[in-house]
PDB file of N, CA and C in Angstrom:
ATOM      1  N   MET A   1      51.931 -43.149  16.263  1.00  0.00           N
ATOM      2  CA  MET A   1      53.327 -42.720  16.228  1.00  0.00           C
ATOM      3  C   MET A   1      53.739 -42.350  17.651  1.00  0.00           C
ATOM      4  N   THR A   2      54.925 -42.768  18.029  1.00  0.00           N
ATOM      5  CA  THR A   2      55.422 -42.469  19.366  1.00  0.00           C
ATOM      6  C   THR A   2      56.427 -41.326  19.303  1.00  0.00           C
ATOM      7  N   LYS A   3      56.935 -40.951  20.466  1.00  0.00           N
ATOM      8  CA  LYS A   3      57.879 -39.827  20.490  1.00  0.00           C
ATOM      9  C   LYS A   3      59.176 -40.136  19.784  1.00  0.00           C
ATOM     10  N   TYR A   4      59.487 -41.434  19.576  1.00  0.00           N
ATOM     11  CA  TYR A   4      60.701 -41.800  18.845  1.00  0.00           C
ATOM     12  C   TYR A   4      60.402 -42.180  17.400  1.00  0.00           C
ATOM     13  N   HIS A   5      59.195 -41.885  16.932  1.00  0.00           N
ATOM     14  CA  HIS A   5      58.762 -42.060  15.549  1.00  0.00           C
ATOM     15  C   HIS A   5      58.710 -43.521  15.093  1.00  0.00           C
ATOM     16  N   ASN A   6      58.576 -44.436  16.040  1.00  0.00           N
ATOM     17  CA  ASN A   6      58.419 -45.831  15.644  1.00  0.00           C
ATOM     18  C   ASN A   6      56.936 -46.176  15.596  1.00  0.00           C
ATOM     19  N   ARG A   7      56.625 -47.217  14.858  1.00  0.00           N
ATOM     20  CA  ARG A   7      55.244 -47.684  14.747  1.00  0.00           C
ATOM     21  C   ARG A   7      55.180 -49.117  15.231  1.00  0.00           C
ATOM     22  N   LYS A   8      54.168 -49.419  16.023  1.00  0.00           N
ATOM     23  CA  LYS A   8      53.957 -50.773  16.514  1.00  0.00           C
ATOM     24  C   LYS A   8      53.654 -51.679  15.318  1.00  0.00           C
ATOM     25  N   VAL A   9      54.158 -52.915  15.402  1.00  0.00           N
ATOM     26  CA  VAL A   9      53.986 -53.877  14.321  1.00  0.00           C
ATOM     27  C   VAL A   9      53.502 -55.190  14.923  1.00  0.00           C
ATOM     28  N   GLN A  10      52.458 -55.774  14.340  1.00  0.00           N
ATOM     29  CA  GLN A  10      51.933 -57.075  14.751  1.00  0.00           C
ATOM     30  C   GLN A  10      52.511 -58.152  13.839  1.00  0.00           C
ATOM     31  N   LEU A  11      53.026 -59.238  14.461  1.00  0.00           N
ATOM     32  CA  LEU A  11      53.598 -60.335  13.674  1.00  0.00           C
ATOM     33  C   LEU A  11      53.585 -61.595  14.521  1.00  0.00           C
ATOM     34  N   ASP A  12      53.036 -62.678  13.989  1.00  0.00           N
ATOM     35  CA  ASP A  12      53.001 -63.974  14.677  1.00  0.00           C
ATOM     36  C   ASP A  12      52.395 -63.889  16.083  1.00  0.00           C
ATOM     37  N   GLY A  13      51.431 -62.997  16.270  1.00  0.00           N
ATOM     38  CA  GLY A  13      50.779 -62.873  17.568  1.00  0.00           C
ATOM     39  C   GLY A  13      51.515 -61.988  18.565  1.00  0.00           C
ATOM     40  N   TYR A  14      52.631 -61.409  18.166  1.00  0.00           N
ATOM     41  CA  TYR A  14      53.397 -60.511  19.027  1.00  0.00           C
ATOM     42  C   TYR A  14      53.208 -59.071  18.557  1.00  0.00           C
ATOM     43  N   THR A  15      53.335 -58.135  19.484  1.00  0.00           N
ATOM     44  CA  THR A  15      53.337 -56.719  19.141  1.00  0.00           C
ATOM     45  C   THR A  15      54.749 -56.200  19.376  1.00  0.00           C
ATOM     46  N   PHE A  16      55.369 -55.743  18.308  1.00  0.00           N
ATOM     47  CA  PHE A  16      56.724 -55.204  18.387  1.00  0.00           C
ATOM     48  C   PHE A  16      56.661 -53.688  18.395  1.00  0.00           C
ATOM     49  N   ASP A  17      57.608 -53.072  19.084  1.00  0.00           N
ATOM     50  CA  ASP A  17      57.615 -51.617  19.222  1.00  0.00           C
ATOM     51  C   ASP A  17      58.011 -50.891  17.950  1.00  0.00           C
ATOM     52  N   SER A  18      58.646 -51.608  17.006  1.00  0.00           N
ATOM     53  CA  SER A  18      59.091 -50.959  15.779  1.00  0.00           C
ATOM     54  C   SER A  18      59.216 -51.984  14.657  1.00  0.00           C
ATOM     55  N   MET A  19      59.306 -51.480  13.447  1.00  0.00           N
ATOM     56  CA  MET A  19      59.539 -52.341  12.290  1.00  0.00           C
ATOM     57  C   MET A  19      60.910 -53.003  12.409  1.00  0.00           C
ATOM     58  N   ALA A  20      61.888 -52.287  12.923  1.00  0.00           N
ATOM     59  CA  ALA A  20      63.234 -52.854  13.080  1.00  0.00           C
ATOM     60  C   ALA A  20      63.205 -54.053  14.023  1.00  0.00           C
ATOM     61  N   GLU A  21      62.450 -53.951  15.099  1.00  0.00           N
ATOM     62  CA  GLU A  21      62.336 -55.065  16.043  1.00  0.00           C
ATOM     63  C   GLU A  21      61.637 -56.257  15.377  1.00  0.00           C
ATOM     64  N   ALA A  22      60.586 -56.001  14.618  1.00  0.00           N
ATOM     65  CA  ALA A  22      59.879 -57.068  13.911  1.00  0.00           C
ATOM     66  C   ALA A  22      60.786 -57.727  12.870  1.00  0.00           C
ATOM     67  N   GLU A  23      61.583 -56.939  12.176  1.00  0.00           N
ATOM     68  CA  GLU A  23      62.514 -57.485  11.183  1.00  0.00           C
ATOM     69  C   GLU A  23      63.584 -58.344  11.857  1.00  0.00           C
ATOM     70  N   HIS A  24      64.047 -57.902  13.015  1.00  0.00           N
ATOM     71  CA  HIS A  24      65.041 -58.692  13.741  1.00  0.00           C
ATOM     72  C   HIS A  24      64.424 -60.023  14.195  1.00  0.00           C
ATOM     73  N   TYR A  25      63.167 -59.983  14.596  1.00  0.00           N
ATOM     74  CA  TYR A  25      62.444 -61.209  14.963  1.00  0.00           C
ATOM     75  C   TYR A  25      62.408 -62.176  13.782  1.00  0.00           C
ATOM     76  N   LYS A  26      62.110 -61.663  12.588  1.00  0.00           N
ATOM     77  CA  LYS A  26      62.089 -62.519  11.390  1.00  0.00           C
ATOM     78  C   LYS A  26      63.449 -63.178  11.172  1.00  0.00           C
ATOM     79  N   ASP A  27      64.521 -62.398  11.338  1.00  0.00           N
ATOM     80  CA  ASP A  27      65.874 -62.940  11.176  1.00  0.00           C
ATOM     81  C   ASP A  27      66.150 -64.037  12.200  1.00  0.00           C
ATOM     82  N   LEU A  28      65.732 -63.798  13.446  1.00  0.00           N
ATOM     83  CA  LEU A  28      65.948 -64.795  14.492  1.00  0.00           C
ATOM     84  C   LEU A  28      65.144 -66.065  14.238  1.00  0.00           C
ATOM     85  N   ARG A  29      63.936 -65.919  13.716  1.00  0.00           N
ATOM     86  CA  ARG A  29      63.111 -67.101  13.386  1.00  0.00           C
ATOM     87  C   ARG A  29      63.803 -67.933  12.310  1.00  0.00           C
ATOM     88  N   LEU A  30      64.411 -67.279  11.329  1.00  0.00           N
ATOM     89  CA  LEU A  30      65.148 -68.017  10.291  1.00  0.00           C
ATOM     90  C   LEU A  30      66.340 -68.754  10.901  1.00  0.00           C
ATOM     91  N   LEU A  31      67.062 -68.110  11.806  1.00  0.00           N
ATOM     92  CA  LEU A  31      68.182 -68.756  12.482  1.00  0.00           C
ATOM     93  C   LEU A  31      67.707 -69.936  13.324  1.00  0.00           C
ATOM     94  N   GLU A  32      66.540 -69.779  13.946  1.00  0.00           N
ATOM     95  CA  GLU A  32      65.964 -70.860  14.749  1.00  0.00           C
ATOM     96  C   GLU A  32      65.588 -72.047  13.854  1.00  0.00           C
ATOM     97  N   GLN A  33      64.973 -71.764  12.721  1.00  0.00           N
ATOM     98  CA  GLN A  33      64.584 -72.827  11.793  1.00  0.00           C
ATOM     99  C   GLN A  33      65.804 -73.540  11.218  1.00  0.00           C
ATOM    100  N   ALA A  34      66.913 -72.814  11.083  1.00  0.00           N
ATOM    101  CA  ALA A  34      68.152 -73.406  10.558  1.00  0.00           C
ATOM    102  C   ALA A  34      68.931 -74.148  11.645  1.00  0.00           C
ATOM    103  N   GLY A  35      68.467 -74.055  12.899  1.00  0.00           N
ATOM    104  CA  GLY A  35      69.138 -74.746  13.980  1.00  0.00           C
ATOM    105  C   GLY A  35      70.320 -74.002  14.565  1.00  0.00           C
ATOM    106  N   GLU A  36      70.502 -72.745  14.164  1.00  0.00           N
ATOM    107  CA  GLU A  36      71.619 -71.951  14.677  1.00  0.00           C
ATOM    108  C   GLU A  36      71.359 -71.431  16.088  1.00  0.00           C
ATOM    109  N   ILE A  37      70.076 -71.189  16.421  1.00  0.00           N
ATOM    110  CA  ILE A  37      69.704 -70.749  17.761  1.00  0.00           C
ATOM    111  C   ILE A  37      68.546 -71.610  18.259  1.00  0.00           C
ATOM    112  N   THR A  38      68.391 -71.663  19.585  1.00  0.00           N
ATOM    113  CA  THR A  38      67.282 -72.406  20.189  1.00  0.00           C
ATOM    114  C   THR A  38      66.694 -71.591  21.332  1.00  0.00           C
ATOM    115  N   TYR A  39      65.553 -72.037  21.804  1.00  0.00           N
ATOM    116  CA  TYR A  39      64.880 -71.423  22.950  1.00  0.00           C
ATOM    117  C   TYR A  39      64.623 -69.929  22.754  1.00  0.00           C
ATOM    118  N   LEU A  40      64.187 -69.551  21.570  1.00  0.00           N
ATOM    119  CA  LEU A  40      63.894 -68.145  21.286  1.00  0.00           C
ATOM    120  C   LEU A  40      62.682 -67.687  22.099  1.00  0.00           C
ATOM    121  N   LEU A  41      62.893 -66.641  22.873  1.00  0.00           N
ATOM    122  CA  LEU A  41      61.813 -66.021  23.642  1.00  0.00           C
ATOM    123  C   LEU A  41      61.629 -64.593  23.151  1.00  0.00           C
ATOM    124  N   VAL A  42      60.386 -64.156  23.112  1.00  0.00           N
ATOM    125  CA  VAL A  42      60.057 -62.783  22.727  1.00  0.00           C
ATOM    126  C   VAL A  42      59.592 -62.045  23.975  1.00  0.00           C
ATOM    127  N   HIS A  43      60.167 -60.891  24.213  1.00  0.00           N
ATOM    128  CA  HIS A  43      59.863 -60.021  25.340  1.00  0.00           C
ATOM    129  C   HIS A  43      60.016 -60.727  26.698  1.00  0.00           C
ATOM    130  N   PRO A  44      61.164 -61.389  26.902  1.00  0.00           N
ATOM    131  CA  PRO A  44      61.391 -62.023  28.202  1.00  0.00           C
ATOM    132  C   PRO A  44      61.598 -60.976  29.290  1.00  0.00           C
ATOM    133  N   ARG A  45      61.171 -61.314  30.499  1.00  0.00           N
ATOM    134  CA  ARG A  45      61.268 -60.399  31.636  1.00  0.00           C
ATOM    135  C   ARG A  45      62.357 -60.887  32.584  1.00  0.00           C
ATOM    136  N   PHE A  46      63.171 -59.955  33.054  1.00  0.00           N
ATOM    137  CA  PHE A  46      64.241 -60.266  33.990  1.00  0.00           C
ATOM    138  C   PHE A  46      64.131 -59.323  35.182  1.00  0.00           C
ATOM    139  N   GLU A  47      64.042 -59.879  36.367  1.00  0.00           N
ATOM    140  CA  GLU A  47      64.034 -59.054  37.568  1.00  0.00           C
ATOM    141  C   GLU A  47      65.471 -58.625  37.838  1.00  0.00           C
ATOM    142  N   VAL A  48      65.730 -57.328  37.806  1.00  0.00           N
ATOM    143  CA  VAL A  48      67.089 -56.830  37.995  1.00  0.00           C
ATOM    144  C   VAL A  48      67.316 -56.252  39.393  1.00  0.00           C
ATOM    145  N   MET A  49      66.215 -56.000  40.093  1.00  0.00           N
ATOM    146  CA  MET A  49      66.324 -55.568  41.479  1.00  0.00           C
ATOM    147  C   MET A  49      65.057 -56.050  42.191  1.00  0.00           C
ATOM    148  N   PRO A  50      65.241 -56.834  43.252  1.00  0.00           N
ATOM    149  CA  PRO A  50      64.066 -57.390  43.923  1.00  0.00           C
ATOM    150  C   PRO A  50      63.239 -56.333  44.647  1.00  0.00           C
ATOM    151  N   LYS A  51      62.030 -56.711  44.958  1.00  0.00           N
ATOM    152  CA  LYS A  51      61.133 -55.852  45.717  1.00  0.00           C
ATOM    153  C   LYS A  51      61.749 -55.572  47.087  1.00  0.00           C
ATOM    154  N   VAL A  52      61.664 -54.315  47.514  1.00  0.00           N
ATOM    155  CA  VAL A  52      62.158 -53.926  48.831  1.00  0.00           C
ATOM    156  C   VAL A  52      61.033 -53.183  49.532  1.00  0.00           C
ATOM    157  N   GLY A  53      60.564 -53.724  50.629  1.00  0.00           N
ATOM    158  CA  GLY A  53      59.470 -53.085  51.361  1.00  0.00           C
ATOM    159  C   GLY A  53      58.237 -52.953  50.476  1.00  0.00           C
ATOM    160  N   LYS A  54      57.743 -51.726  50.369  1.00  0.00           N
ATOM    161  CA  LYS A  54      56.560 -51.472  49.539  1.00  0.00           C
ATOM    162  C   LYS A  54      56.912 -51.142  48.094  1.00  0.00           C
ATOM    163  N   GLU A  55      58.202 -50.999  47.811  1.00  0.00           N
ATOM    164  CA  GLU A  55      58.649 -50.689  46.442  1.00  0.00           C
ATOM    165  C   GLU A  55      58.557 -51.937  45.570  1.00  0.00           C
ATOM    166  N   ARG A  56      58.110 -51.751  44.356  1.00  0.00           N
ATOM    167  CA  ARG A  56      58.040 -52.868  43.414  1.00  0.00           C
ATOM    168  C   ARG A  56      59.433 -53.268  42.953  1.00  0.00           C
ATOM    169  N   ALA A  57      59.535 -54.503  42.493  1.00  0.00           N
ATOM    170  CA  ALA A  57      60.784 -54.969  41.893  1.00  0.00           C
ATOM    171  C   ALA A  57      61.019 -54.198  40.599  1.00  0.00           C
ATOM    172  N   ILE A  58      62.277 -54.051  40.215  1.00  0.00           N
ATOM    173  CA  ILE A  58      62.607 -53.427  38.937  1.00  0.00           C
ATOM    174  C   ILE A  58      62.817 -54.552  37.936  1.00  0.00           C
ATOM    175  N   VAL A  59      62.095 -54.459  36.827  1.00  0.00           N
ATOM    176  CA  VAL A  59      62.125 -55.508  35.812  1.00  0.00           C
ATOM    177  C   VAL A  59      62.618 -54.924  34.498  1.00  0.00           C
ATOM    178  N   TYR A  60      63.502 -55.662  33.869  1.00  0.00           N
ATOM    179  CA  TYR A  60      63.978 -55.303  32.526  1.00  0.00           C
ATOM    180  C   TYR A  60      63.312 -56.243  31.541  1.00  0.00           C
ATOM    181  N   VAL A  61      62.624 -55.689  30.558  1.00  0.00           N
ATOM    182  CA  VAL A  61      61.980 -56.491  29.522  1.00  0.00           C
ATOM    183  C   VAL A  61      62.808 -56.324  28.254  1.00  0.00           C
ATOM    184  N   ALA A  62      63.469 -57.400  27.863  1.00  0.00           N
ATOM    185  CA  ALA A  62      64.288 -57.388  26.651  1.00  0.00           C
ATOM    186  C   ALA A  62      63.395 -57.632  25.446  1.00  0.00           C
ATOM    187  N   ASP A  63      63.955 -57.470  24.267  1.00  0.00           N
ATOM    188  CA  ASP A  63      63.196 -57.784  23.058  1.00  0.00           C
ATOM    189  C   ASP A  63      63.228 -59.282  22.775  1.00  0.00           C
ATOM    190  N   PHE A  64      64.403 -59.913  22.949  1.00  0.00           N
ATOM    191  CA  PHE A  64      64.544 -61.336  22.640  1.00  0.00           C
ATOM    192  C   PHE A  64      65.563 -61.980  23.569  1.00  0.00           C
ATOM    193  N   CYS A  65      65.465 -63.296  23.681  1.00  0.00           N
ATOM    194  CA  CYS A  65      66.454 -64.086  24.400  1.00  0.00           C
ATOM    195  C   CYS A  65      66.528 -65.441  23.700  1.00  0.00           C
ATOM    196  N   TYR A  66      67.729 -65.992  23.589  1.00  0.00           N
ATOM    197  CA  TYR A  66      67.910 -67.300  22.952  1.00  0.00           C
ATOM    198  C   TYR A  66      69.274 -67.857  23.319  1.00  0.00           C
ATOM    199  N   THR A  67      69.524 -69.090  22.905  1.00  0.00           N
ATOM    200  CA  THR A  67      70.855 -69.676  23.025  1.00  0.00           C
ATOM    201  C   THR A  67      71.365 -69.970  21.621  1.00  0.00           C
ATOM    202  N   GLU A  68      72.679 -69.929  21.461  1.00  0.00           N
ATOM    203  CA  GLU A  68      73.298 -70.228  20.170  1.00  0.00           C
ATOM    204  C   GLU A  68      73.776 -71.671  20.155  1.00  0.00           C
ATOM    205  N   ARG A  69      73.748 -72.279  18.993  1.00  0.00           N
ATOM    206  CA  ARG A  69      74.138 -73.677  18.843  1.00  0.00           C
ATOM    207  C   ARG A  69      75.550 -73.922  19.364  1.00  0.00           C
ATOM    208  N   ASP A  70      76.468 -73.008  19.092  1.00  0.00           N
ATOM    209  CA  ASP A  70      77.862 -73.187  19.478  1.00  0.00           C
ATOM    210  C   ASP A  70      78.116 -72.972  20.976  1.00  0.00           C
ATOM    211  N   ASN A  71      77.180 -72.342  21.684  1.00  0.00           N
ATOM    212  CA  ASN A  71      77.348 -72.100  23.113  1.00  0.00           C
ATOM    213  C   ASN A  71      75.979 -72.192  23.792  1.00  0.00           C
ATOM    214  N   PRO A  72      75.430 -73.409  23.920  1.00  0.00           N
ATOM    215  CA  PRO A  72      74.064 -73.566  24.422  1.00  0.00           C
ATOM    216  C   PRO A  72      73.880 -73.254  25.903  1.00  0.00           C
ATOM    217  N   ASN A  73      74.959 -73.044  26.639  1.00  0.00           N
ATOM    218  CA  ASN A  73      74.847 -72.763  28.067  1.00  0.00           C
ATOM    219  C   ASN A  73      74.846 -71.270  28.388  1.00  0.00           C
ATOM    220  N   ARG A  74      74.924 -70.431  27.366  1.00  0.00           N
ATOM    221  CA  ARG A  74      74.948 -68.980  27.570  1.00  0.00           C
ATOM    222  C   ARG A  74      73.736 -68.356  26.883  1.00  0.00           C
ATOM    223  N   TYR A  75      72.959 -67.600  27.650  1.00  0.00           N
ATOM    224  CA  TYR A  75      71.805 -66.916  27.076  1.00  0.00           C
ATOM    225  C   TYR A  75      72.246 -65.614  26.428  1.00  0.00           C
ATOM    226  N   ILE A  76      71.737 -65.378  25.242  1.00  0.00           N
ATOM    227  CA  ILE A  76      71.946 -64.125  24.529  1.00  0.00           C
ATOM    228  C   ILE A  76      70.661 -63.317  24.680  1.00  0.00           C
ATOM    229  N   VAL A  77      70.783 -62.124  25.222  1.00  0.00           N
ATOM    230  CA  VAL A  77      69.630 -61.249  25.441  1.00  0.00           C
ATOM    231  C   VAL A  77      69.815 -60.054  24.518  1.00  0.00           C
ATOM    232  N   VAL A  78      68.775 -59.768  23.726  1.00  0.00           N
ATOM    233  CA  VAL A  78      68.893 -58.762  22.673  1.00  0.00           C
ATOM    234  C   VAL A  78      67.879 -57.648  22.875  1.00  0.00           C
ATOM    235  N   ASP A  79      68.335 -56.427  22.647  1.00  0.00           N
ATOM    236  CA  ASP A  79      67.452 -55.268  22.632  1.00  0.00           C
ATOM    237  C   ASP A  79      67.722 -54.491  21.356  1.00  0.00           C
ATOM    238  N   VAL A  80      66.678 -54.232  20.588  1.00  0.00           N
ATOM    239  CA  VAL A  80      66.782 -53.460  19.350  1.00  0.00           C
ATOM    240  C   VAL A  80      66.498 -52.010  19.719  1.00  0.00           C
ATOM    241  N   LYS A  81      67.465 -51.132  19.443  1.00  0.00           N
ATOM    242  CA  LYS A  81      67.344 -49.743  19.884  1.00  0.00           C
ATOM    243  C   LYS A  81      67.599 -48.758  18.755  1.00  0.00           C
ATOM    244  N   GLY A  82      66.787 -47.724  18.727  1.00  0.00           N
ATOM    245  CA  GLY A  82      67.044 -46.574  17.884  1.00  0.00           C
ATOM    246  C   GLY A  82      67.600 -45.467  18.755  1.00  0.00           C
ATOM    247  N   VAL A  83      67.055 -45.375  19.975  1.00  0.00           N
ATOM    248  CA  VAL A  83      67.457 -44.360  20.942  1.00  0.00           C
ATOM    249  C   VAL A  83      67.722 -45.060  22.267  1.00  0.00           C
ATOM    250  N   GLU A  84      68.897 -44.833  22.824  1.00  0.00           N
ATOM    251  CA  GLU A  84      69.211 -45.380  24.141  1.00  0.00           C
ATOM    252  C   GLU A  84      68.882 -44.324  25.190  1.00  0.00           C
ATOM    253  N   THR A  85      67.824 -44.538  25.927  1.00  0.00           N
ATOM    254  CA  THR A  85      67.420 -43.588  26.961  1.00  0.00           C
ATOM    255  C   THR A  85      68.234 -43.819  28.232  1.00  0.00           C
ATOM    256  N   ALA A  86      68.173 -42.864  29.127  1.00  0.00           N
ATOM    257  CA  ALA A  86      68.855 -43.000  30.411  1.00  0.00           C
ATOM    258  C   ALA A  86      68.277 -44.173  31.198  1.00  0.00           C
ATOM    259  N   VAL A  87      66.969 -44.360  31.124  1.00  0.00           N
ATOM    260  CA  VAL A  87      66.333 -45.488  31.826  1.00  0.00           C
ATOM    261  C   VAL A  87      66.833 -46.809  31.259  1.00  0.00           C
ATOM    262  N   PHE A  88      66.956 -46.903  29.933  1.00  0.00           N
ATOM    263  CA  PHE A  88      67.482 -48.130  29.341  1.00  0.00           C
ATOM    264  C   PHE A  88      68.907 -48.388  29.810  1.00  0.00           C
ATOM    265  N   ARG A  89      69.749 -47.379  29.782  1.00  0.00           N
ATOM    266  CA  ARG A  89      71.147 -47.557  30.206  1.00  0.00           C
ATOM    267  C   ARG A  89      71.227 -48.036  31.658  1.00  0.00           C
ATOM    268  N   LEU A  90      70.385 -47.481  32.514  1.00  0.00           N
ATOM    269  CA  LEU A  90      70.351 -47.903  33.911  1.00  0.00           C
ATOM    270  C   LEU A  90      69.928 -49.364  34.025  1.00  0.00           C
ATOM    271  N   LYS A  91      68.830 -49.726  33.349  1.00  0.00           N
ATOM    272  CA  LYS A  91      68.355 -51.103  33.420  1.00  0.00           C
ATOM    273  C   LYS A  91      69.353 -52.074  32.788  1.00  0.00           C
ATOM    274  N   ALA A  92      70.034 -51.652  31.738  1.00  0.00           N
ATOM    275  CA  ALA A  92      71.054 -52.508  31.113  1.00  0.00           C
ATOM    276  C   ALA A  92      72.187 -52.766  32.092  1.00  0.00           C
ATOM    277  N   ASN A  93      72.615 -51.742  32.819  1.00  0.00           N
ATOM    278  CA  ASN A  93      73.665 -51.924  33.822  1.00  0.00           C
ATOM    279  C   ASN A  93      73.207 -52.830  34.957  1.00  0.00           C
ATOM    280  N   LEU A  94      71.981 -52.646  35.423  1.00  0.00           N
ATOM    281  CA  LEU A  94      71.439 -53.512  36.462  1.00  0.00           C
ATOM    282  C   LEU A  94      71.345 -54.955  35.961  1.00  0.00           C
ATOM    283  N   PHE A  95      70.932 -55.113  34.699  1.00  0.00           N
ATOM    284  CA  PHE A  95      70.829 -56.449  34.110  1.00  0.00           C
ATOM    285  C   PHE A  95      72.196 -57.134  34.091  1.00  0.00           C
ATOM    286  N   ARG A  96      73.208 -56.424  33.625  1.00  0.00           N
ATOM    287  CA  ARG A  96      74.557 -57.014  33.535  1.00  0.00           C
ATOM    288  C   ARG A  96      75.069 -57.459  34.904  1.00  0.00           C
ATOM    289  N   ARG A  97      74.736 -56.708  35.942  1.00  0.00           N
ATOM    290  CA  ARG A  97      75.166 -57.084  37.295  1.00  0.00           C
ATOM    291  C   ARG A  97      74.359 -58.265  37.829  1.00  0.00           C
ATOM    292  N   ALA A  98      73.067 -58.291  37.544  1.00  0.00           N
ATOM    293  CA  ALA A  98      72.205 -59.350  38.056  1.00  0.00           C
ATOM    294  C   ALA A  98      72.380 -60.665  37.301  1.00  0.00           C
ATOM    295  N   TYR A  99      72.770 -60.581  36.026  1.00  0.00           N
ATOM    296  CA  TYR A  99      72.889 -61.769  35.175  1.00  0.00           C
ATOM    297  C   TYR A  99      74.246 -61.777  34.468  1.00  0.00           C
ATOM    298  N   PRO A 100      75.336 -61.935  35.224  1.00  0.00           N
ATOM    299  CA  PRO A 100      76.669 -61.854  34.611  1.00  0.00           C
ATOM    300  C   PRO A 100      76.964 -62.962  33.609  1.00  0.00           C
ATOM    301  N   ASN A 101      76.222 -64.056  33.653  1.00  0.00           N
ATOM    302  CA  ASN A 101      76.454 -65.160  32.715  1.00  0.00           C
ATOM    303  C   ASN A 101      75.647 -65.030  31.429  1.00  0.00           C
ATOM    304  N   HIS A 102      74.831 -63.988  31.325  1.00  0.00           N
ATOM    305  CA  HIS A 102      74.069 -63.716  30.107  1.00  0.00           C
ATOM    306  C   HIS A 102      74.798 -62.630  29.319  1.00  0.00           C
ATOM    307  N   GLU A 103      74.671 -62.683  28.013  1.00  0.00           N
ATOM    308  CA  GLU A 103      75.272 -61.644  27.166  1.00  0.00           C
ATOM    309  C   GLU A 103      74.183 -60.710  26.659  1.00  0.00           C
ATOM    310  N   LEU A 104      74.320 -59.431  26.934  1.00  0.00           N
ATOM    311  CA  LEU A 104      73.364 -58.431  26.448  1.00  0.00           C
ATOM    312  C   LEU A 104      73.909 -57.834  25.166  1.00  0.00           C
ATOM    313  N   ARG A 105      73.139 -57.983  24.101  1.00  0.00           N
ATOM    314  CA  ARG A 105      73.522 -57.422  22.803  1.00  0.00           C
ATOM    315  C   ARG A 105      72.533 -56.320  22.430  1.00  0.00           C
ATOM    316  N   ILE A 106      73.070 -55.176  22.059  1.00  0.00           N
ATOM    317  CA  ILE A 106      72.256 -54.059  21.612  1.00  0.00           C
ATOM    318  C   ILE A 106      72.343 -54.010  20.089  1.00  0.00           C
ATOM    319  N   VAL A 107      71.195 -54.096  19.438  1.00  0.00           N
ATOM    320  CA  VAL A 107      71.123 -54.005  17.986  1.00  0.00           C
ATOM    321  C   VAL A 107      70.660 -52.600  17.648  1.00  0.00           C
ATOM    322  N   ARG A 108      71.463 -51.871  16.933  1.00  0.00           N
ATOM    323  CA  ARG A 108      71.134 -50.483  16.582  1.00  0.00           C
ATOM    324  C   ARG A 108      70.262 -50.450  15.339  1.00  0.00           C
ATOM    325  N   LYS A 109      69.185 -49.675  15.425  1.00  0.00           N
ATOM    326  CA  LYS A 109      68.308 -49.497  14.264  1.00  0.00           C
ATOM    327  C   LYS A 109      69.007 -48.608  13.255  1.00  0.00           C
ATOM    328  N   GLU A 110      68.764 -48.880  12.001  1.00  0.00           N
ATOM    329  CA  GLU A 110      69.342 -48.076  10.909  1.00  0.00           C
ATOM    330  C   GLU A 110      68.420 -46.892  10.625  1.00  0.00           C
ATOM    331  N   GLY A 111      69.009 -45.862  10.057  1.00  0.00           N
ATOM    332  CA  GLY A 111      68.207 -44.753   9.532  1.00  0.00           C
ATOM    333  C   GLY A 111      67.856 -43.703  10.549  1.00  0.00           C
ATOM    334  N   ARG A 112      66.792 -42.959  10.204  1.00  0.00           N
ATOM    335  CA  ARG A 112      66.272 -41.810  10.949  1.00  0.00           C
ATOM    336  C   ARG A 112      67.047 -40.592  10.724  1.00  0.00           C
TER     337      ARG A 112
END
């Protein structure tokens, strides 16, 4: 159990941070099988600020990334959240500036 009361879930060789994230993955797999989305990636990494001197690059790791059938030239980047931390908000803002042609969607977890 983590400080946000989520439990890690194993599914299809991936480790998800929560049951909600794993359930969203299942939904996306169904959409992929139906041809509604393509190029589904799990835990894609995006460099949002390059390395400067001895400082490491800042990387945002999303939960999912894919393209939709109706707009195949735009990447949809998804993060499933129960709690939006200050670090997440900062990285989300950096992501939006670094990747203005990508759409960041926040999926809110139910309950708690």
